Amino acid sequence: MNDTPISEMTFEQAMSELERIVTQLERGDVPLEDSISLYEKGAELKKRCETKLKEAEQKVAAITLDEDGSVTGTKPLEGL
């Protein structure tokens, strides 16, 4: 189990923790109250993964290329 706050997790950390939770829930041997807590944490982890992916997509979209396809820099990111 990862002790890093979800808001500070890397994409990889959040995805790993989410996979662990899904596996645990799929086994079906978790008491109901614990299942609810795990589901809530899983929803937070999913949101973190989506946020990190969106950030990465925006960074990739901001890369500017010259006519030869070489990276020339980045455009300013709007909204970040």
PDB file of N, CA and C in Angstrom:
ATOM      1  N   MET A   1       0.836  -1.177   0.000  1.00  0.00           N
ATOM      2  CA  MET A   1       0.000   0.000   0.000  1.00  0.00           C
ATOM      3  C   MET A   1       0.879   1.238   0.000  1.00  0.00           C
ATOM      4  N   ASN A   2       0.514   2.206  -0.831  1.00  0.00           N
ATOM      5  CA  ASN A   2       1.284   3.423  -0.996  1.00  0.00           C
ATOM      6  C   ASN A   2       0.833   4.466   0.023  1.00  0.00           C
ATOM      7  N   ASP A   3       1.788   5.071   0.745  1.00  0.00           N
ATOM      8  CA  ASP A   3       1.463   6.077   1.757  1.00  0.00           C
ATOM      9  C   ASP A   3       1.460   7.497   1.199  1.00  0.00           C
ATOM     10  N   THR A   4       1.820   7.653  -0.086  1.00  0.00           N
ATOM     11  CA  THR A   4       1.828   8.963  -0.717  1.00  0.00           C
ATOM     12  C   THR A   4       0.392   9.464  -0.885  1.00  0.00           C
ATOM     13  N   PRO A   5       0.112  10.724  -0.529  1.00  0.00           N
ATOM     14  CA  PRO A   5      -1.242  11.246  -0.767  1.00  0.00           C
ATOM     15  C   PRO A   5      -1.583  11.148  -2.256  1.00  0.00           C
ATOM     16  N   ILE A   6      -2.825  10.838  -2.562  1.00  0.00           N
ATOM     17  CA  ILE A   6      -3.245  10.657  -3.954  1.00  0.00           C
ATOM     18  C   ILE A   6      -2.914  11.893  -4.777  1.00  0.00           C
ATOM     19  N   SER A   7      -3.095  13.070  -4.214  1.00  0.00           N
ATOM     20  CA  SER A   7      -2.848  14.312  -4.948  1.00  0.00           C
ATOM     21  C   SER A   7      -1.383  14.510  -5.329  1.00  0.00           C
ATOM     22  N   GLU A   8      -0.485  13.729  -4.730  1.00  0.00           N
ATOM     23  CA  GLU A   8       0.948  13.842  -5.011  1.00  0.00           C
ATOM     24  C   GLU A   8       1.492  12.640  -5.780  1.00  0.00           C
ATOM     25  N   MET A   9       0.637  11.669  -6.080  1.00  0.00           N
ATOM     26  CA  MET A   9       1.091  10.457  -6.772  1.00  0.00           C
ATOM     27  C   MET A   9       1.408  10.727  -8.239  1.00  0.00           C
ATOM     28  N   THR A  10       2.407  10.018  -8.720  1.00  0.00           N
ATOM     29  CA  THR A  10       2.664  10.018 -10.155  1.00  0.00           C
ATOM     30  C   THR A  10       1.584   9.170 -10.815  1.00  0.00           C
ATOM     31  N   PHE A  11       1.514   9.245 -12.123  1.00  0.00           N
ATOM     32  CA  PHE A  11       0.561   8.411 -12.856  1.00  0.00           C
ATOM     33  C   PHE A  11       0.801   6.938 -12.530  1.00  0.00           C
ATOM     34  N   GLU A  12       2.055   6.527 -12.550  1.00  0.00           N
ATOM     35  CA  GLU A  12       2.399   5.125 -12.316  1.00  0.00           C
ATOM     36  C   GLU A  12       2.026   4.664 -10.916  1.00  0.00           C
ATOM     37  N   GLN A  13       2.251   5.506  -9.924  1.00  0.00           N
ATOM     38  CA  GLN A  13       1.877   5.155  -8.558  1.00  0.00           C
ATOM     39  C   GLN A  13       0.367   5.001  -8.427  1.00  0.00           C
ATOM     40  N   ALA A  14      -0.361   5.952  -8.987  1.00  0.00           N
ATOM     41  CA  ALA A  14      -1.822   5.915  -8.894  1.00  0.00           C
ATOM     42  C   ALA A  14      -2.382   4.696  -9.628  1.00  0.00           C
ATOM     43  N   MET A  15      -1.836   4.394 -10.794  1.00  0.00           N
ATOM     44  CA  MET A  15      -2.316   3.251 -11.565  1.00  0.00           C
ATOM     45  C   MET A  15      -2.025   1.941 -10.832  1.00  0.00           C
ATOM     46  N   SER A  16      -0.865   1.832 -10.245  1.00  0.00           N
ATOM     47  CA  SER A  16      -0.504   0.627  -9.498  1.00  0.00           C
ATOM     48  C   SER A  16      -1.437   0.422  -8.310  1.00  0.00           C
ATOM     49  N   GLU A  17      -1.703   1.497  -7.591  1.00  0.00           N
ATOM     50  CA  GLU A  17      -2.597   1.413  -6.430  1.00  0.00           C
ATOM     51  C   GLU A  17      -4.023   1.079  -6.880  1.00  0.00           C
ATOM     52  N   LEU A  18      -4.455   1.659  -7.984  1.00  0.00           N
ATOM     53  CA  LEU A  18      -5.786   1.372  -8.522  1.00  0.00           C
ATOM     54  C   LEU A  18      -5.897  -0.103  -8.924  1.00  0.00           C
ATOM     55  N   GLU A  19      -4.874  -0.629  -9.561  1.00  0.00           N
ATOM     56  CA  GLU A  19      -4.872  -2.047  -9.942  1.00  0.00           C
ATOM     57  C   GLU A  19      -4.953  -2.951  -8.717  1.00  0.00           C
ATOM     58  N   ARG A  20      -4.243  -2.574  -7.652  1.00  0.00           N
ATOM     59  CA  ARG A  20      -4.275  -3.351  -6.413  1.00  0.00           C
ATOM     60  C   ARG A  20      -5.688  -3.370  -5.835  1.00  0.00           C
ATOM     61  N   ILE A  21      -6.344  -2.218  -5.837  1.00  0.00           N
ATOM     62  CA  ILE A  21      -7.706  -2.118  -5.305  1.00  0.00           C
ATOM     63  C   ILE A  21      -8.683  -2.933  -6.146  1.00  0.00           C
ATOM     64  N   VAL A  22      -8.579  -2.833  -7.461  1.00  0.00           N
ATOM     65  CA  VAL A  22      -9.474  -3.591  -8.344  1.00  0.00           C
ATOM     66  C   VAL A  22      -9.320  -5.085  -8.092  1.00  0.00           C
ATOM     67  N   THR A  23      -8.089  -5.547  -7.969  1.00  0.00           N
ATOM     68  CA  THR A  23      -7.836  -6.963  -7.702  1.00  0.00           C
ATOM     69  C   THR A  23      -8.479  -7.383  -6.388  1.00  0.00           C
ATOM     70  N   GLN A  24      -8.322  -6.561  -5.390  1.00  0.00           N
ATOM     71  CA  GLN A  24      -8.890  -6.851  -4.067  1.00  0.00           C
ATOM     72  C   GLN A  24     -10.419  -6.930  -4.144  1.00  0.00           C
ATOM     73  N   LEU A  25     -11.038  -5.975  -4.838  1.00  0.00           N
ATOM     74  CA  LEU A  25     -12.496  -5.965  -4.959  1.00  0.00           C
ATOM     75  C   LEU A  25     -12.994  -7.141  -5.802  1.00  0.00           C
ATOM     76  N   GLU A  26     -12.250  -7.502  -6.833  1.00  0.00           N
ATOM     77  CA  GLU A  26     -12.660  -8.616  -7.689  1.00  0.00           C
ATOM     78  C   GLU A  26     -12.637  -9.947  -6.949  1.00  0.00           C
ATOM     79  N   ARG A  27     -11.746 -10.074  -5.981  1.00  0.00           N
ATOM     80  CA  ARG A  27     -11.681 -11.320  -5.203  1.00  0.00           C
ATOM     81  C   ARG A  27     -12.958 -11.527  -4.411  1.00  0.00           C
ATOM     82  N   GLY A  28     -13.586 -10.430  -4.004  1.00  0.00           N
ATOM     83  CA  GLY A  28     -14.853 -10.519  -3.298  1.00  0.00           C
ATOM     84  C   GLY A  28     -14.772 -10.936  -1.847  1.00  0.00           C
ATOM     85  N   ASP A  29     -13.584 -10.907  -1.272  1.00  0.00           N
ATOM     86  CA  ASP A  29     -13.447 -11.337   0.121  1.00  0.00           C
ATOM     87  C   ASP A  29     -13.262 -10.157   1.077  1.00  0.00           C
ATOM     88  N   VAL A  30     -13.684  -8.980   0.645  1.00  0.00           N
ATOM     89  CA  VAL A  30     -13.554  -7.775   1.458  1.00  0.00           C
ATOM     90  C   VAL A  30     -14.919  -7.456   2.070  1.00  0.00           C
ATOM     91  N   PRO A  31     -14.976  -7.186   3.375  1.00  0.00           N
ATOM     92  CA  PRO A  31     -16.248  -6.814   3.995  1.00  0.00           C
ATOM     93  C   PRO A  31     -16.871  -5.594   3.302  1.00  0.00           C
ATOM     94  N   LEU A  32     -18.185  -5.481   3.367  1.00  0.00           N
ATOM     95  CA  LEU A  32     -18.921  -4.436   2.666  1.00  0.00           C
ATOM     96  C   LEU A  32     -18.391  -3.037   2.956  1.00  0.00           C
ATOM     97  N   GLU A  33     -18.208  -2.694   4.217  1.00  0.00           N
ATOM     98  CA  GLU A  33     -17.738  -1.339   4.565  1.00  0.00           C
ATOM     99  C   GLU A  33     -16.357  -1.068   3.969  1.00  0.00           C
ATOM    100  N   ASP A  34     -15.477  -2.062   4.007  1.00  0.00           N
ATOM    101  CA  ASP A  34     -14.146  -1.913   3.414  1.00  0.00           C
ATOM    102  C   ASP A  34     -14.250  -1.792   1.900  1.00  0.00           C
ATOM    103  N   SER A  35     -15.181  -2.517   1.294  1.00  0.00           N
ATOM    104  CA  SER A  35     -15.388  -2.434  -0.150  1.00  0.00           C
ATOM    105  C   SER A  35     -15.795  -1.029  -0.553  1.00  0.00           C
ATOM    106  N   ILE A  36     -16.663  -0.423   0.228  1.00  0.00           N
ATOM    107  CA  ILE A  36     -17.110   0.946  -0.068  1.00  0.00           C
ATOM    108  C   ILE A  36     -15.929   1.908   0.022  1.00  0.00           C
ATOM    109  N   SER A  37     -15.122   1.771   1.047  1.00  0.00           N
ATOM    110  CA  SER A  37     -13.947   2.639   1.205  1.00  0.00           C
ATOM    111  C   SER A  37     -12.963   2.439   0.057  1.00  0.00           C
ATOM    112  N   LEU A  38     -12.749   1.180  -0.315  1.00  0.00           N
ATOM    113  CA  LEU A  38     -11.840   0.886  -1.428  1.00  0.00           C
ATOM    114  C   LEU A  38     -12.379   1.464  -2.736  1.00  0.00           C
ATOM    115  N   TYR A  39     -13.683   1.348  -2.948  1.00  0.00           N
ATOM    116  CA  TYR A  39     -14.295   1.877  -4.160  1.00  0.00           C
ATOM    117  C   TYR A  39     -14.111   3.399  -4.223  1.00  0.00           C
ATOM    118  N   GLU A  40     -14.321   4.080  -3.097  1.00  0.00           N
ATOM    119  CA  GLU A  40     -14.146   5.537  -3.047  1.00  0.00           C
ATOM    120  C   GLU A  40     -12.699   5.924  -3.339  1.00  0.00           C
ATOM    121  N   LYS A  41     -11.761   5.187  -2.757  1.00  0.00           N
ATOM    122  CA  LYS A  41     -10.345   5.470  -3.017  1.00  0.00           C
ATOM    123  C   LYS A  41     -10.017   5.193  -4.477  1.00  0.00           C
ATOM    124  N   GLY A  42     -10.586   4.122  -5.024  1.00  0.00           N
ATOM    125  CA  GLY A  42     -10.376   3.802  -6.435  1.00  0.00           C
ATOM    126  C   GLY A  42     -10.874   4.915  -7.346  1.00  0.00           C
ATOM    127  N   ALA A  43     -11.998   5.521  -6.993  1.00  0.00           N
ATOM    128  CA  ALA A  43     -12.536   6.631  -7.788  1.00  0.00           C
ATOM    129  C   ALA A  43     -11.586   7.831  -7.751  1.00  0.00           C
ATOM    130  N   GLU A  44     -11.003   8.098  -6.596  1.00  0.00           N
ATOM    131  CA  GLU A  44     -10.022   9.186  -6.477  1.00  0.00           C
ATOM    132  C   GLU A  44      -8.773   8.893  -7.305  1.00  0.00           C
ATOM    133  N   LEU A  45      -8.329   7.640  -7.258  1.00  0.00           N
ATOM    134  CA  LEU A  45      -7.146   7.248  -8.027  1.00  0.00           C
ATOM    135  C   LEU A  45      -7.407   7.346  -9.526  1.00  0.00           C
ATOM    136  N   LYS A  46      -8.599   6.951  -9.951  1.00  0.00           N
ATOM    137  CA  LYS A  46      -8.973   7.055 -11.368  1.00  0.00           C
ATOM    138  C   LYS A  46      -8.927   8.510 -11.812  1.00  0.00           C
ATOM    139  N   LYS A  47      -9.455   9.387 -10.980  1.00  0.00           N
ATOM    140  CA  LYS A  47      -9.451  10.818 -11.299  1.00  0.00           C
ATOM    141  C   LYS A  47      -8.016  11.341 -11.399  1.00  0.00           C
ATOM    142  N   ARG A  48      -7.156  10.900 -10.492  1.00  0.00           N
ATOM    143  CA  ARG A  48      -5.741  11.318 -10.526  1.00  0.00           C
ATOM    144  C   ARG A  48      -5.082  10.860 -11.816  1.00  0.00           C
ATOM    145  N   CYS A  49      -5.329   9.627 -12.217  1.00  0.00           N
ATOM    146  CA  CYS A  49      -4.759   9.105 -13.465  1.00  0.00           C
ATOM    147  C   CYS A  49      -5.249   9.926 -14.655  1.00  0.00           C
ATOM    148  N   GLU A  50      -6.537  10.233 -14.681  1.00  0.00           N
ATOM    149  CA  GLU A  50      -7.097  11.027 -15.774  1.00  0.00           C
ATOM    150  C   GLU A  50      -6.466  12.417 -15.825  1.00  0.00           C
ATOM    151  N   THR A  51      -6.254  13.018 -14.653  1.00  0.00           N
ATOM    152  CA  THR A  51      -5.631  14.344 -14.584  1.00  0.00           C
ATOM    153  C   THR A  51      -4.215  14.302 -15.127  1.00  0.00           C
ATOM    154  N   LYS A  52      -3.439  13.313 -14.693  1.00  0.00           N
ATOM    155  CA  LYS A  52      -2.053  13.200 -15.148  1.00  0.00           C
ATOM    156  C   LYS A  52      -1.986  12.929 -16.649  1.00  0.00           C
ATOM    157  N   LEU A  53      -2.900  12.121 -17.188  1.00  0.00           N
ATOM    158  CA  LEU A  53      -2.926  11.875 -18.624  1.00  0.00           C
ATOM    159  C   LEU A  53      -3.263  13.142 -19.396  1.00  0.00           C
ATOM    160  N   LYS A  54      -4.209  13.920 -18.890  1.00  0.00           N
ATOM    161  CA  LYS A  54      -4.591  15.167 -19.548  1.00  0.00           C
ATOM    162  C   LYS A  54      -3.413  16.139 -19.561  1.00  0.00           C
ATOM    163  N   GLU A  55      -2.696  16.215 -18.449  1.00  0.00           N
ATOM    164  CA  GLU A  55      -1.513  17.072 -18.386  1.00  0.00           C
ATOM    165  C   GLU A  55      -0.484  16.657 -19.432  1.00  0.00           C
ATOM    166  N   ALA A  56      -0.265  15.357 -19.555  1.00  0.00           N
ATOM    167  CA  ALA A  56       0.703  14.856 -20.537  1.00  0.00           C
ATOM    168  C   ALA A  56       0.244  15.161 -21.962  1.00  0.00           C
ATOM    169  N   GLU A  57      -1.040  14.976 -22.236  1.00  0.00           N
ATOM    170  CA  GLU A  57      -1.575  15.279 -23.567  1.00  0.00           C
ATOM    171  C   GLU A  57      -1.395  16.748 -23.908  1.00  0.00           C
ATOM    172  N   GLN A  58      -1.625  17.630 -22.931  1.00  0.00           N
ATOM    173  CA  GLN A  58      -1.469  19.062 -23.165  1.00  0.00           C
ATOM    174  C   GLN A  58      -0.013  19.424 -23.441  1.00  0.00           C
ATOM    175  N   LYS A  59       0.910  18.775 -22.742  1.00  0.00           N
ATOM    176  CA  LYS A  59       2.331  19.038 -22.979  1.00  0.00           C
ATOM    177  C   LYS A  59       2.728  18.589 -24.378  1.00  0.00           C
ATOM    178  N   VAL A  60       2.260  17.425 -24.790  1.00  0.00           N
ATOM    179  CA  VAL A  60       2.579  16.917 -26.127  1.00  0.00           C
ATOM    180  C   VAL A  60       1.970  17.831 -27.186  1.00  0.00           C
ATOM    181  N   ALA A  61       0.741  18.269 -26.973  1.00  0.00           N
ATOM    182  CA  ALA A  61       0.070  19.141 -27.930  1.00  0.00           C
ATOM    183  C   ALA A  61       0.768  20.491 -28.044  1.00  0.00           C
ATOM    184  N   ALA A  62       1.502  20.906 -27.025  1.00  0.00           N
ATOM    185  CA  ALA A  62       2.153  22.206 -27.022  1.00  0.00           C
ATOM    186  C   ALA A  62       3.522  22.182 -27.706  1.00  0.00           C
ATOM    187  N   ILE A  63       4.013  21.030 -28.078  1.00  0.00           N
ATOM    188  CA  ILE A  63       5.316  20.950 -28.731  1.00  0.00           C
ATOM    189  C   ILE A  63       5.189  21.491 -30.148  1.00  0.00           C
ATOM    190  N   THR A  64       6.082  22.398 -30.500  1.00  0.00           N
ATOM    191  CA  THR A  64       6.060  22.959 -31.849  1.00  0.00           C
ATOM    192  C   THR A  64       7.194  22.347 -32.676  1.00  0.00           C
ATOM    193  N   LEU A  65       6.900  22.133 -33.949  1.00  0.00           N
ATOM    194  CA  LEU A  65       7.867  21.531 -34.858  1.00  0.00           C
ATOM    195  C   LEU A  65       8.153  22.487 -36.007  1.00  0.00           C
ATOM    196  N   ASP A  66       9.357  22.367 -36.586  1.00  0.00           N
ATOM    197  CA  ASP A  66       9.634  23.139 -37.788  1.00  0.00           C
ATOM    198  C   ASP A  66       9.193  22.326 -38.997  1.00  0.00           C
ATOM    199  N   GLU A  67       9.433  22.846 -40.187  1.00  0.00           N
ATOM    200  CA  GLU A  67       8.946  22.168 -41.401  1.00  0.00           C
ATOM    201  C   GLU A  67       9.603  20.815 -41.637  1.00  0.00           C
ATOM    202  N   ASP A  68      10.745  20.555 -41.001  1.00  0.00           N
ATOM    203  CA  ASP A  68      11.407  19.253 -41.113  1.00  0.00           C
ATOM    204  C   ASP A  68      10.929  18.266 -40.051  1.00  0.00           C
ATOM    205  N   GLY A  69      10.080  18.732 -39.142  1.00  0.00           N
ATOM    206  CA  GLY A  69       9.587  17.871 -38.081  1.00  0.00           C
ATOM    207  C   GLY A  69      10.443  17.884 -36.831  1.00  0.00           C
ATOM    208  N   SER A  70      11.425  18.770 -36.784  1.00  0.00           N
ATOM    209  CA  SER A  70      12.284  18.876 -35.605  1.00  0.00           C
ATOM    210  C   SER A  70      11.602  19.761 -34.568  1.00  0.00           C
ATOM    211  N   VAL A  71      11.790  19.407 -33.302  1.00  0.00           N
ATOM    212  CA  VAL A  71      11.208  20.187 -32.209  1.00  0.00           C
ATOM    213  C   VAL A  71      11.892  21.546 -32.143  1.00  0.00           C
ATOM    214  N   THR A  72      11.083  22.587 -32.141  1.00  0.00           N
ATOM    215  CA  THR A  72      11.625  23.945 -32.050  1.00  0.00           C
ATOM    216  C   THR A  72      11.300  24.613 -30.725  1.00  0.00           C
ATOM    217  N   GLY A  73      10.409  24.046 -29.974  1.00  0.00           N
ATOM    218  CA  GLY A  73      10.023  24.627 -28.695  1.00  0.00           C
ATOM    219  C   GLY A  73       8.634  24.197 -28.326  1.00  0.00           C
ATOM    220  N   THR A  74       8.025  24.960 -27.442  1.00  0.00           N
ATOM    221  CA  THR A  74       6.672  24.675 -27.028  1.00  0.00           C
ATOM    222  C   THR A  74       5.847  25.940 -27.064  1.00  0.00           C
ATOM    223  N   LYS A  75       4.567  25.775 -27.301  1.00  0.00           N
ATOM    224  CA  LYS A  75       3.628  26.889 -27.230  1.00  0.00           C
ATOM    225  C   LYS A  75       3.246  27.054 -25.772  1.00  0.00           C
ATOM    226  N   PRO A  76       2.875  28.246 -25.357  1.00  0.00           N
ATOM    227  CA  PRO A  76       2.401  28.408 -23.967  1.00  0.00           C
ATOM    228  C   PRO A  76       1.156  27.548 -23.754  1.00  0.00           C
ATOM    229  N   LEU A  77       1.108  26.908 -22.608  1.00  0.00           N
ATOM    230  CA  LEU A  77      -0.051  26.092 -22.268  1.00  0.00           C
ATOM    231  C   LEU A  77      -1.142  26.973 -21.699  1.00  0.00           C
ATOM    232  N   GLU A  78      -2.329  26.855 -22.251  1.00  0.00           N
ATOM    233  CA  GLU A  78      -3.454  27.626 -21.762  1.00  0.00           C
ATOM    234  C   GLU A  78      -4.146  26.844 -20.645  1.00  0.00           C
ATOM    235  N   GLY A  79      -4.509  27.530 -19.589  1.00  0.00           N
ATOM    236  CA  GLY A  79      -5.290  26.899 -18.529  1.00  0.00           C
ATOM    237  C   GLY A  79      -4.496  26.101 -17.531  1.00  0.00           C
ATOM    238  N   LEU A  80      -3.177  26.116 -17.613  1.00  0.00           N
ATOM    239  CA  LEU A  80      -2.375  25.399 -16.610  1.00  0.00           C
ATOM    240  C   LEU A  80      -1.583  26.354 -15.769  1.00  0.00           C
TER     241      LEU A  80
END
